């Protein structure tokens, strides 16, 4: 398989001292599409070839590292979150978080401002879907359409993950080989059973991610932001832009009930459920993903 060249990376200096690393693909005059990655994932988890295919579909693609990930700003205190604290949040006990999904959504809006983009189509996966939903709720004038993939509404009782997956989200074994091992095991646990990713691809991405910067405390902080998120169901009902949901029927990290609840909450939304898809973006399904994102964007009316 041919590996496409990485584009030139830039840094956006946002209000409050947050620095966000990003890059772009395609013609700046095309429809802007903001890609938001999930828990602990750098922008490079949006494969370059996928981004290029999105650009070929008529988008000006922007991908970025969320705060506390990759080349973007780490949390200033480097606060460590214990497993016990995560467990409290998991069962719904009162727990504070260093930052919230609203902060991550505000970062996304500020990045669009930095890029002189008044509004954009948004595709978010997993935690990125939660951020995309929150962005559309908090900054409705900045969003043209939303595609929420393998995500949920924040309502307890839907979109749940099995409790045995929680400890695996916190890096334990140190070093590159430990990280690679965790990624390979994680792919087996939560990946798409009908579309297994070759181990050499998992290893390559793990090495690239490690070299970009991996932080166990940062993953735990983002996990706490997810576990303490509010129920957005009522607010989702006020979203007016075209909205689509993609979810795998074999997703063990975010149960398909989360995708169904999201689609049910947003008036006029479209839902695509895919048999054999887990909690990842299999290469074999890229054409289907791009079709949904493009179709959703085409439903938008641009002033």
C-alpha atoms as a PDB file:
ATOM      1  CA  UNK A   1       0.000   0.000   0.000  1.00  0.00           C
ATOM      2  CA  UNK A   2       1.290   3.453  -0.922  1.00  0.00           C
ATOM      3  CA  UNK A   3       1.571   5.853   1.989  1.00  0.00           C
ATOM      4  CA  UNK A   4       0.604   9.427   1.156  1.00  0.00           C
ATOM      5  CA  UNK A   5       2.816  12.293   2.265  1.00  0.00           C
ATOM      6  CA  UNK A   6       1.807  14.216   5.378  1.00  0.00           C
ATOM      7  CA  UNK A   7       0.790  17.842   4.714  1.00  0.00           C
ATOM      8  CA  UNK A   8       2.480  20.817   6.352  1.00  0.00           C
ATOM      9  CA  UNK A   9       1.405  21.237   9.960  1.00  0.00           C
ATOM     10  CA  UNK A  10       0.536  24.617  11.461  1.00  0.00           C
ATOM     11  CA  UNK A  11      -0.304  25.933  14.932  1.00  0.00           C
ATOM     12  CA  UNK A  12      -3.307  28.049  15.922  1.00  0.00           C
ATOM     13  CA  UNK A  13      -2.834  30.221  19.001  1.00  0.00           C
ATOM     14  CA  UNK A  14      -6.284  30.402  20.579  1.00  0.00           C
ATOM     15  CA  UNK A  15      -7.674  32.613  23.366  1.00  0.00           C
ATOM     16  CA  UNK A  16      -6.701  31.455  26.830  1.00  0.00           C
ATOM     17  CA  UNK A  17      -3.275  30.272  25.738  1.00  0.00           C
ATOM     18  CA  UNK A  18      -4.419  27.050  24.080  1.00  0.00           C
ATOM     19  CA  UNK A  19      -2.292  26.009  21.093  1.00  0.00           C
ATOM     20  CA  UNK A  20      -3.889  23.713  18.515  1.00  0.00           C
ATOM     21  CA  UNK A  21      -1.909  21.824  15.865  1.00  0.00           C
ATOM     22  CA  UNK A  22      -3.705  21.381  12.551  1.00  0.00           C
ATOM     23  CA  UNK A  23      -3.262  20.781   8.840  1.00  0.00           C
ATOM     24  CA  UNK A  24      -5.444  21.007   5.761  1.00  0.00           C
ATOM     25  CA  UNK A  25      -6.213  19.229   2.485  1.00  0.00           C
ATOM     26  CA  UNK A  26      -7.780  20.445  -0.727  1.00  0.00           C
ATOM     27  CA  UNK A  27      -8.907  23.732  -2.181  1.00  0.00           C
ATOM     28  CA  UNK A  28      -9.626  26.454   0.418  1.00  0.00           C
ATOM     29  CA  UNK A  29     -12.574  27.581  -1.732  1.00  0.00           C
ATOM     30  CA  UNK A  30     -14.255  24.165  -1.391  1.00  0.00           C
ATOM     31  CA  UNK A  31     -16.796  23.289   1.312  1.00  0.00           C
ATOM     32  CA  UNK A  32     -14.981  23.433   4.677  1.00  0.00           C
ATOM     33  CA  UNK A  33     -15.026  20.155   6.622  1.00  0.00           C
ATOM     34  CA  UNK A  34     -13.714  20.003  10.186  1.00  0.00           C
ATOM     35  CA  UNK A  35     -12.629  16.538  11.356  1.00  0.00           C
ATOM     36  CA  UNK A  36     -12.697  15.909  15.116  1.00  0.00           C
ATOM     37  CA  UNK A  37     -10.971  12.812  16.486  1.00  0.00           C
ATOM     38  CA  UNK A  38     -11.879  10.820  19.579  1.00  0.00           C
ATOM     39  CA  UNK A  39     -10.353   9.925  22.926  1.00  0.00           C
ATOM     40  CA  UNK A  40      -6.579  10.334  23.010  1.00  0.00           C
ATOM     41  CA  UNK A  41      -6.396  10.319  19.220  1.00  0.00           C
ATOM     42  CA  UNK A  42      -4.191  12.768  17.317  1.00  0.00           C
ATOM     43  CA  UNK A  43      -5.292  14.213  14.001  1.00  0.00           C
ATOM     44  CA  UNK A  44      -3.129  11.627  12.237  1.00  0.00           C
ATOM     45  CA  UNK A  45      -5.742   9.012  13.123  1.00  0.00           C
ATOM     46  CA  UNK A  46      -7.640  10.634  10.265  1.00  0.00           C
ATOM     47  CA  UNK A  47      -5.660   8.804   7.609  1.00  0.00           C
ATOM     48  CA  UNK A  48      -4.038  11.026   4.982  1.00  0.00           C
ATOM     49  CA  UNK A  49      -5.584   8.983   2.187  1.00  0.00           C
ATOM     50  CA  UNK A  50      -9.043   9.344   3.735  1.00  0.00           C
ATOM     51  CA  UNK A  51      -8.519  13.108   3.973  1.00  0.00           C
ATOM     52  CA  UNK A  52      -7.411  13.220   0.339  1.00  0.00           C
ATOM     53  CA  UNK A  53     -10.501  11.281  -0.720  1.00  0.00           C
ATOM     54  CA  UNK A  54     -12.680  13.729   1.213  1.00  0.00           C
ATOM     55  CA  UNK A  55     -10.923  16.589  -0.563  1.00  0.00           C
ATOM     56  CA  UNK A  56     -11.607  14.862  -3.899  1.00  0.00           C
ATOM     57  CA  UNK A  57     -15.288  14.729  -2.873  1.00  0.00           C
ATOM     58  CA  UNK A  58     -15.357  18.523  -2.778  1.00  0.00           C
ATOM     59  CA  UNK A  59     -14.242  19.422   0.736  1.00  0.00           C
ATOM     60  CA  UNK A  60     -11.551  21.682   2.155  1.00  0.00           C
ATOM     61  CA  UNK A  61     -10.517  19.351   4.952  1.00  0.00           C
ATOM     62  CA  UNK A  62      -9.186  20.521   8.321  1.00  0.00           C
ATOM     63  CA  UNK A  63      -7.957  17.994  10.886  1.00  0.00           C
ATOM     64  CA  UNK A  64      -6.421  18.890  14.234  1.00  0.00           C
ATOM     65  CA  UNK A  65      -5.139  17.631  17.573  1.00  0.00           C
ATOM     66  CA  UNK A  66      -7.555  18.299  20.420  1.00  0.00           C
ATOM     67  CA  UNK A  67      -5.978  20.013  23.413  1.00  0.00           C
ATOM     68  CA  UNK A  68      -3.990  17.549  25.554  1.00  0.00           C
ATOM     69  CA  UNK A  69      -3.200  15.433  22.467  1.00  0.00           C
ATOM     70  CA  UNK A  70      -0.248  15.210  20.096  1.00  0.00           C
ATOM     71  CA  UNK A  71       1.289  18.580  19.255  1.00  0.00           C
ATOM     72  CA  UNK A  72      -1.493  20.659  20.841  1.00  0.00           C
ATOM     73  CA  UNK A  73      -1.278  22.170  24.322  1.00  0.00           C
ATOM     74  CA  UNK A  74      -1.065  19.728  27.234  1.00  0.00           C
ATOM     75  CA  UNK A  75      -3.094  20.459  30.339  1.00  0.00           C
ATOM     76  CA  UNK A  76      -0.933  22.984  32.219  1.00  0.00           C
ATOM     77  CA  UNK A  77      -0.934  21.158  35.557  1.00  0.00           C
ATOM     78  CA  UNK A  78      -0.393  17.712  33.988  1.00  0.00           C
ATOM     79  CA  UNK A  79      -3.039  16.567  36.473  1.00  0.00           C
ATOM     80  CA  UNK A  80      -3.198  12.803  36.887  1.00  0.00           C
ATOM     81  CA  UNK A  81      -6.545  11.073  37.131  1.00  0.00           C
ATOM     82  CA  UNK A  82      -6.716   7.908  39.214  1.00  0.00           C
ATOM     83  CA  UNK A  83      -8.637   4.828  38.172  1.00  0.00           C
ATOM     84  CA  UNK A  84     -10.731   5.242  41.315  1.00  0.00           C
ATOM     85  CA  UNK A  85     -11.744   8.736  40.189  1.00  0.00           C
ATOM     86  CA  UNK A  86     -12.669   7.407  36.752  1.00  0.00           C
ATOM     87  CA  UNK A  87     -14.688   4.639  38.386  1.00  0.00           C
ATOM     88  CA  UNK A  88     -16.627   7.199  40.469  1.00  0.00           C
ATOM     89  CA  UNK A  89     -17.514   9.107  37.326  1.00  0.00           C
ATOM     90  CA  UNK A  90     -18.380   5.873  35.506  1.00  0.00           C
ATOM     91  CA  UNK A  91     -21.050   4.978  38.054  1.00  0.00           C
ATOM     92  CA  UNK A  92     -22.406   8.541  38.122  1.00  0.00           C
ATOM     93  CA  UNK A  93     -20.984   9.819  41.410  1.00  0.00           C
ATOM     94  CA  UNK A  94     -20.120  13.555  41.584  1.00  0.00           C
ATOM     95  CA  UNK A  95     -16.657  14.046  40.093  1.00  0.00           C
ATOM     96  CA  UNK A  96     -14.821  17.110  38.846  1.00  0.00           C
ATOM     97  CA  UNK A  97     -12.940  17.170  35.543  1.00  0.00           C
ATOM     98  CA  UNK A  98      -9.949  19.359  34.577  1.00  0.00           C
ATOM     99  CA  UNK A  99     -11.866  20.445  31.469  1.00  0.00           C
ATOM    100  CA  UNK A 100     -15.157  19.629  29.788  1.00  0.00           C
ATOM    101  CA  UNK A 101     -16.429  18.753  26.336  1.00  0.00           C
ATOM    102  CA  UNK A 102     -17.670  22.339  26.132  1.00  0.00           C
ATOM    103  CA  UNK A 103     -14.048  23.520  26.335  1.00  0.00           C
ATOM    104  CA  UNK A 104     -13.089  21.199  23.477  1.00  0.00           C
ATOM    105  CA  UNK A 105     -16.039  22.439  21.403  1.00  0.00           C
ATOM    106  CA  UNK A 106     -15.005  26.040  22.062  1.00  0.00           C
ATOM    107  CA  UNK A 107     -11.502  25.137  20.832  1.00  0.00           C
ATOM    108  CA  UNK A 108     -13.047  23.890  17.581  1.00  0.00           C
ATOM    109  CA  UNK A 109     -14.977  27.136  17.106  1.00  0.00           C
ATOM    110  CA  UNK A 110     -11.857  29.179  17.847  1.00  0.00           C
ATOM    111  CA  UNK A 111      -9.867  27.155  15.310  1.00  0.00           C
ATOM    112  CA  UNK A 112     -12.450  27.996  12.633  1.00  0.00           C
ATOM    113  CA  UNK A 113     -12.073  31.659  13.557  1.00  0.00           C
ATOM    114  CA  UNK A 114      -8.293  31.367  13.262  1.00  0.00           C
ATOM    115  CA  UNK A 115      -8.743  29.909   9.777  1.00  0.00           C
ATOM    116  CA  UNK A 116     -11.214  32.668   8.759  1.00  0.00           C
ATOM    117  CA  UNK A 117     -13.914  30.028   8.241  1.00  0.00           C
ATOM    118  CA  UNK A 118     -17.301  31.401   9.218  1.00  0.00           C
ATOM    119  CA  UNK A 119     -18.946  27.965   9.366  1.00  0.00           C
ATOM    120  CA  UNK A 120     -18.052  24.404   8.451  1.00  0.00           C
ATOM    121  CA  UNK A 121     -19.422  20.930   7.985  1.00  0.00           C
ATOM    122  CA  UNK A 122     -18.276  18.799  10.919  1.00  0.00           C
ATOM    123  CA  UNK A 123     -17.472  15.091  11.147  1.00  0.00           C
ATOM    124  CA  UNK A 124     -16.658  13.784  14.608  1.00  0.00           C
ATOM    125  CA  UNK A 125     -15.945  10.231  15.727  1.00  0.00           C
ATOM    126  CA  UNK A 126     -16.467   8.836  19.224  1.00  0.00           C
ATOM    127  CA  UNK A 127     -15.532  11.655  21.633  1.00  0.00           C
ATOM    128  CA  UNK A 128     -15.172  13.756  18.497  1.00  0.00           C
ATOM    129  CA  UNK A 129     -18.851  13.116  17.782  1.00  0.00           C
ATOM    130  CA  UNK A 130     -19.691  14.398  21.255  1.00  0.00           C
ATOM    131  CA  UNK A 131     -17.592  17.494  20.578  1.00  0.00           C
ATOM    132  CA  UNK A 132     -19.282  17.978  17.184  1.00  0.00           C
ATOM    133  CA  UNK A 133     -22.715  17.766  18.818  1.00  0.00           C
ATOM    134  CA  UNK A 134     -21.648  20.236  21.510  1.00  0.00           C
ATOM    135  CA  UNK A 135     -20.220  22.584  18.891  1.00  0.00           C
ATOM    136  CA  UNK A 136     -23.546  22.593  17.021  1.00  0.00           C
ATOM    137  CA  UNK A 137     -25.387  23.302  20.278  1.00  0.00           C
ATOM    138  CA  UNK A 138     -23.071  26.039  21.601  1.00  0.00           C
ATOM    139  CA  UNK A 139     -22.094  27.634  18.289  1.00  0.00           C
ATOM    140  CA  UNK A 140     -24.960  26.926  15.863  1.00  0.00           C
ATOM    141  CA  UNK A 141     -23.860  29.687  13.503  1.00  0.00           C
ATOM    142  CA  UNK A 142     -20.483  27.989  13.000  1.00  0.00           C
ATOM    143  CA  UNK A 143     -21.882  24.623  11.860  1.00  0.00           C
ATOM    144  CA  UNK A 144     -23.352  23.817   8.419  1.00  0.00           C
ATOM    145  CA  UNK A 145     -23.944  20.095   8.979  1.00  0.00           C
ATOM    146  CA  UNK A 146     -22.905  17.354  11.394  1.00  0.00           C
ATOM    147  CA  UNK A 147     -21.935  13.721  10.957  1.00  0.00           C
ATOM    148  CA  UNK A 148     -21.704  12.038  14.370  1.00  0.00           C
ATOM    149  CA  UNK A 149     -20.016   8.652  14.159  1.00  0.00           C
ATOM    150  CA  UNK A 150     -19.834   5.892  16.822  1.00  0.00           C
ATOM    151  CA  UNK A 151     -20.888   8.449  19.436  1.00  0.00           C
ATOM    152  CA  UNK A 152     -23.707   9.147  21.877  1.00  0.00           C
ATOM    153  CA  UNK A 153     -25.846  11.807  23.562  1.00  0.00           C
ATOM    154  CA  UNK A 154     -24.357  11.755  27.049  1.00  0.00           C
ATOM    155  CA  UNK A 155     -27.509  10.169  28.463  1.00  0.00           C
ATOM    156  CA  UNK A 156     -26.733   7.340  30.833  1.00  0.00           C
ATOM    157  CA  UNK A 157     -28.218   4.055  29.737  1.00  0.00           C
ATOM    158  CA  UNK A 158     -27.354   4.521  26.051  1.00  0.00           C
ATOM    159  CA  UNK A 159     -24.024   4.393  24.270  1.00  0.00           C
ATOM    160  CA  UNK A 160     -22.481   2.528  27.172  1.00  0.00           C
ATOM    161  CA  UNK A 161     -19.211   0.634  27.122  1.00  0.00           C
ATOM    162  CA  UNK A 162     -18.563  -2.538  29.015  1.00  0.00           C
ATOM    163  CA  UNK A 163     -16.922  -1.777  32.399  1.00  0.00           C
ATOM    164  CA  UNK A 164     -14.074  -4.182  31.634  1.00  0.00           C
ATOM    165  CA  UNK A 165     -12.877  -1.807  28.890  1.00  0.00           C
ATOM    166  CA  UNK A 166     -12.300   1.098  31.275  1.00  0.00           C
ATOM    167  CA  UNK A 167      -8.928  -0.011  32.738  1.00  0.00           C
ATOM    168  CA  UNK A 168      -7.606  -0.666  29.235  1.00  0.00           C
ATOM    169  CA  UNK A 169      -8.071   3.014  28.359  1.00  0.00           C
ATOM    170  CA  UNK A 170      -5.372   4.039  30.817  1.00  0.00           C
ATOM    171  CA  UNK A 171      -1.814   3.310  29.671  1.00  0.00           C
ATOM    172  CA  UNK A 172      -0.025   1.056  32.149  1.00  0.00           C
ATOM    173  CA  UNK A 173       2.924  -0.718  30.554  1.00  0.00           C
ATOM    174  CA  UNK A 174       5.539   1.925  29.781  1.00  0.00           C
ATOM    175  CA  UNK A 175       7.456   2.457  26.579  1.00  0.00           C
ATOM    176  CA  UNK A 176       6.792   2.130  22.888  1.00  0.00           C
ATOM    177  CA  UNK A 177       6.428  -1.645  22.882  1.00  0.00           C
ATOM    178  CA  UNK A 178       3.870  -1.445  25.683  1.00  0.00           C
ATOM    179  CA  UNK A 179       1.889   1.107  23.709  1.00  0.00           C
ATOM    180  CA  UNK A 180       2.025  -0.986  20.542  1.00  0.00           C
ATOM    181  CA  UNK A 181       0.857  -4.026  22.496  1.00  0.00           C
ATOM    182  CA  UNK A 182      -2.065  -2.055  23.931  1.00  0.00           C
ATOM    183  CA  UNK A 183      -3.080  -0.818  20.482  1.00  0.00           C
ATOM    184  CA  UNK A 184      -3.000  -4.311  19.012  1.00  0.00           C
ATOM    185  CA  UNK A 185      -5.023  -5.755  21.902  1.00  0.00           C
ATOM    186  CA  UNK A 186      -7.382  -2.777  21.807  1.00  0.00           C
ATOM    187  CA  UNK A 187      -8.019  -3.303  18.118  1.00  0.00           C
ATOM    188  CA  UNK A 188      -9.011  -6.883  18.813  1.00  0.00           C
ATOM    189  CA  UNK A 189     -11.265  -5.801  21.709  1.00  0.00           C
ATOM    190  CA  UNK A 190     -13.147  -2.962  20.046  1.00  0.00           C
ATOM    191  CA  UNK A 191     -12.305  -3.018  16.326  1.00  0.00           C
ATOM    192  CA  UNK A 192     -14.582  -4.097  13.513  1.00  0.00           C
ATOM    193  CA  UNK A 193     -14.898  -7.904  13.506  1.00  0.00           C
ATOM    194  CA  UNK A 194     -15.946  -7.912   9.847  1.00  0.00           C
ATOM    195  CA  UNK A 195     -13.096  -5.614   8.822  1.00  0.00           C
ATOM    196  CA  UNK A 196     -10.017  -6.546  10.910  1.00  0.00           C
ATOM    197  CA  UNK A 197      -7.076  -4.216  10.469  1.00  0.00           C
ATOM    198  CA  UNK A 198      -3.741  -5.848   9.550  1.00  0.00           C
ATOM    199  CA  UNK A 199      -1.391  -5.935  12.530  1.00  0.00           C
ATOM    200  CA  UNK A 200       1.370  -4.194  10.587  1.00  0.00           C
ATOM    201  CA  UNK A 201      -0.973  -1.247   9.990  1.00  0.00           C
ATOM    202  CA  UNK A 202      -1.845  -1.073  13.692  1.00  0.00           C
ATOM    203  CA  UNK A 203       1.850  -1.194  14.557  1.00  0.00           C
ATOM    204  CA  UNK A 204       2.726   1.529  12.032  1.00  0.00           C
ATOM    205  CA  UNK A 205       0.034   3.871  13.347  1.00  0.00           C
ATOM    206  CA  UNK A 206       1.018   3.138  16.949  1.00  0.00           C
ATOM    207  CA  UNK A 207       4.649   4.069  16.238  1.00  0.00           C
ATOM    208  CA  UNK A 208       3.575   7.264  14.472  1.00  0.00           C
ATOM    209  CA  UNK A 209       1.273   8.158  17.373  1.00  0.00           C
ATOM    210  CA  UNK A 210       3.957   7.422  19.958  1.00  0.00           C
ATOM    211  CA  UNK A 211       6.436   9.614  18.126  1.00  0.00           C
ATOM    212  CA  UNK A 212       3.854  12.394  18.013  1.00  0.00           C
ATOM    213  CA  UNK A 213       3.440  12.194  21.770  1.00  0.00           C
ATOM    214  CA  UNK A 214       1.386   9.865  23.964  1.00  0.00           C
ATOM    215  CA  UNK A 215       0.284  10.778  27.484  1.00  0.00           C
ATOM    216  CA  UNK A 216      -1.515   8.409  29.825  1.00  0.00           C
ATOM    217  CA  UNK A 217      -2.621  11.269  32.133  1.00  0.00           C
ATOM    218  CA  UNK A 218      -4.021  13.172  29.138  1.00  0.00           C
ATOM    219  CA  UNK A 219      -6.062  10.151  27.998  1.00  0.00           C
ATOM    220  CA  UNK A 220      -7.442   9.835  31.534  1.00  0.00           C
ATOM    221  CA  UNK A 221      -8.341  13.547  31.621  1.00  0.00           C
ATOM    222  CA  UNK A 222     -10.210  13.249  28.339  1.00  0.00           C
ATOM    223  CA  UNK A 223     -11.923  10.101  29.577  1.00  0.00           C
ATOM    224  CA  UNK A 224     -13.082  12.007  32.655  1.00  0.00           C
ATOM    225  CA  UNK A 225     -14.487  14.751  30.418  1.00  0.00           C
ATOM    226  CA  UNK A 226     -16.487  12.069  28.606  1.00  0.00           C
ATOM    227  CA  UNK A 227     -17.712  10.404  31.803  1.00  0.00           C
ATOM    228  CA  UNK A 228     -18.832  13.743  33.303  1.00  0.00           C
ATOM    229  CA  UNK A 229     -20.561  15.037  30.166  1.00  0.00           C
ATOM    230  CA  UNK A 230     -24.178  16.177  30.481  1.00  0.00           C
ATOM    231  CA  UNK A 231     -27.153  14.634  28.748  1.00  0.00           C
ATOM    232  CA  UNK A 232     -27.488  16.612  25.491  1.00  0.00           C
ATOM    233  CA  UNK A 233     -30.769  15.015  24.385  1.00  0.00           C
ATOM    234  CA  UNK A 234     -32.941  18.095  24.894  1.00  0.00           C
ATOM    235  CA  UNK A 235     -30.385  20.447  23.350  1.00  0.00           C
ATOM    236  CA  UNK A 236     -29.916  18.135  20.353  1.00  0.00           C
ATOM    237  CA  UNK A 237     -33.604  18.598  19.642  1.00  0.00           C
ATOM    238  CA  UNK A 238     -32.921  22.241  18.820  1.00  0.00           C
ATOM    239  CA  UNK A 239     -30.296  21.566  16.141  1.00  0.00           C
ATOM    240  CA  UNK A 240     -31.518  22.881  12.788  1.00  0.00           C
ATOM    241  CA  UNK A 241     -28.693  21.874  10.422  1.00  0.00           C
ATOM    242  CA  UNK A 242     -28.560  18.592   8.465  1.00  0.00           C
ATOM    243  CA  UNK A 243     -27.431  15.846  10.818  1.00  0.00           C
ATOM    244  CA  UNK A 244     -26.335  12.258  10.202  1.00  0.00           C
ATOM    245  CA  UNK A 245     -25.344   9.384  12.455  1.00  0.00           C
ATOM    246  CA  UNK A 246     -23.068   6.476  11.519  1.00  0.00           C
ATOM    247  CA  UNK A 247     -22.706   3.604  13.960  1.00  0.00           C
ATOM    248  CA  UNK A 248     -21.418   0.055  13.887  1.00  0.00           C
ATOM    249  CA  UNK A 249     -23.699  -2.707  15.064  1.00  0.00           C
ATOM    250  CA  UNK A 250     -20.656  -4.445  16.599  1.00  0.00           C
ATOM    251  CA  UNK A 251     -19.378  -1.416  18.562  1.00  0.00           C
ATOM    252  CA  UNK A 252     -18.298  -2.508  22.054  1.00  0.00           C
ATOM    253  CA  UNK A 253     -16.876   0.860  23.123  1.00  0.00           C
ATOM    254  CA  UNK A 254     -20.008   2.939  22.437  1.00  0.00           C
ATOM    255  CA  UNK A 255     -23.075   0.720  22.184  1.00  0.00           C
ATOM    256  CA  UNK A 256     -25.221   1.280  19.095  1.00  0.00           C
ATOM    257  CA  UNK A 257     -27.980   2.547  21.392  1.00  0.00           C
ATOM    258  CA  UNK A 258     -25.947   5.764  21.602  1.00  0.00           C
ATOM    259  CA  UNK A 259     -26.134   6.289  17.865  1.00  0.00           C
ATOM    260  CA  UNK A 260     -29.827   5.454  17.773  1.00  0.00           C
ATOM    261  CA  UNK A 261     -30.542   7.874  20.631  1.00  0.00           C
ATOM    262  CA  UNK A 262     -28.574  10.622  18.904  1.00  0.00           C
ATOM    263  CA  UNK A 263     -30.495  10.219  15.667  1.00  0.00           C
ATOM    264  CA  UNK A 264     -33.797  10.113  17.543  1.00  0.00           C
ATOM    265  CA  UNK A 265     -32.951  13.349  19.360  1.00  0.00           C
ATOM    266  CA  UNK A 266     -32.152  15.453  16.281  1.00  0.00           C
ATOM    267  CA  UNK A 267     -35.148  16.339  14.094  1.00  0.00           C
ATOM    268  CA  UNK A 268     -34.778  15.175  10.507  1.00  0.00           C
ATOM    269  CA  UNK A 269     -31.561  13.273  11.130  1.00  0.00           C
ATOM    270  CA  UNK A 270     -30.368  10.336   9.049  1.00  0.00           C
ATOM    271  CA  UNK A 271     -28.868   7.174  10.544  1.00  0.00           C
ATOM    272  CA  UNK A 272     -26.644   4.579   8.901  1.00  0.00           C
ATOM    273  CA  UNK A 273     -26.048   1.357  10.851  1.00  0.00           C
ATOM    274  CA  UNK A 274     -23.296  -0.901   9.564  1.00  0.00           C
ATOM    275  CA  UNK A 275     -23.159  -4.623  10.256  1.00  0.00           C
ATOM    276  CA  UNK A 276     -19.763  -5.876  11.408  1.00  0.00           C
ATOM    277  CA  UNK A 277     -18.411  -2.386  12.167  1.00  0.00           C
ATOM    278  CA  UNK A 278     -16.911  -1.822  15.599  1.00  0.00           C
ATOM    279  CA  UNK A 279     -15.254   1.245  17.093  1.00  0.00           C
ATOM    280  CA  UNK A 280     -12.906   2.245  14.285  1.00  0.00           C
ATOM    281  CA  UNK A 281     -12.838   3.540  10.715  1.00  0.00           C
ATOM    282  CA  UNK A 282     -12.083   0.525   8.502  1.00  0.00           C
ATOM    283  CA  UNK A 283     -10.548   1.365   5.146  1.00  0.00           C
ATOM    284  CA  UNK A 284     -13.130  -0.830   3.400  1.00  0.00           C
ATOM    285  CA  UNK A 285     -15.901   1.455   4.683  1.00  0.00           C
ATOM    286  CA  UNK A 286     -14.348   4.790   3.646  1.00  0.00           C
ATOM    287  CA  UNK A 287     -16.503   5.048   0.492  1.00  0.00           C
ATOM    288  CA  UNK A 288     -19.642   4.583   2.598  1.00  0.00           C
ATOM    289  CA  UNK A 289     -18.484   7.180   5.146  1.00  0.00           C
ATOM    290  CA  UNK A 290     -17.630   9.725   2.461  1.00  0.00           C
ATOM    291  CA  UNK A 291     -20.990   9.170   0.790  1.00  0.00           C
ATOM    292  CA  UNK A 292     -22.836   9.956   4.040  1.00  0.00           C
ATOM    293  CA  UNK A 293     -20.705  13.015   4.855  1.00  0.00           C
ATOM    294  CA  UNK A 294     -21.101  14.397   1.327  1.00  0.00           C
ATOM    295  CA  UNK A 295     -24.854  13.694   1.245  1.00  0.00           C
ATOM    296  CA  UNK A 296     -25.311  15.388   4.620  1.00  0.00           C
ATOM    297  CA  UNK A 297     -23.336  18.437   3.520  1.00  0.00           C
ATOM    298  CA  UNK A 298     -25.365  18.681   0.328  1.00  0.00           C
ATOM    299  CA  UNK A 299     -28.525  18.976   2.411  1.00  0.00           C
ATOM    300  CA  UNK A 300     -27.214  22.193   3.933  1.00  0.00           C
ATOM    301  CA  UNK A 301     -28.438  25.529   2.628  1.00  0.00           C
ATOM    302  CA  UNK A 302     -25.620  28.051   2.539  1.00  0.00           C
ATOM    303  CA  UNK A 303     -26.621  31.683   2.877  1.00  0.00           C
END
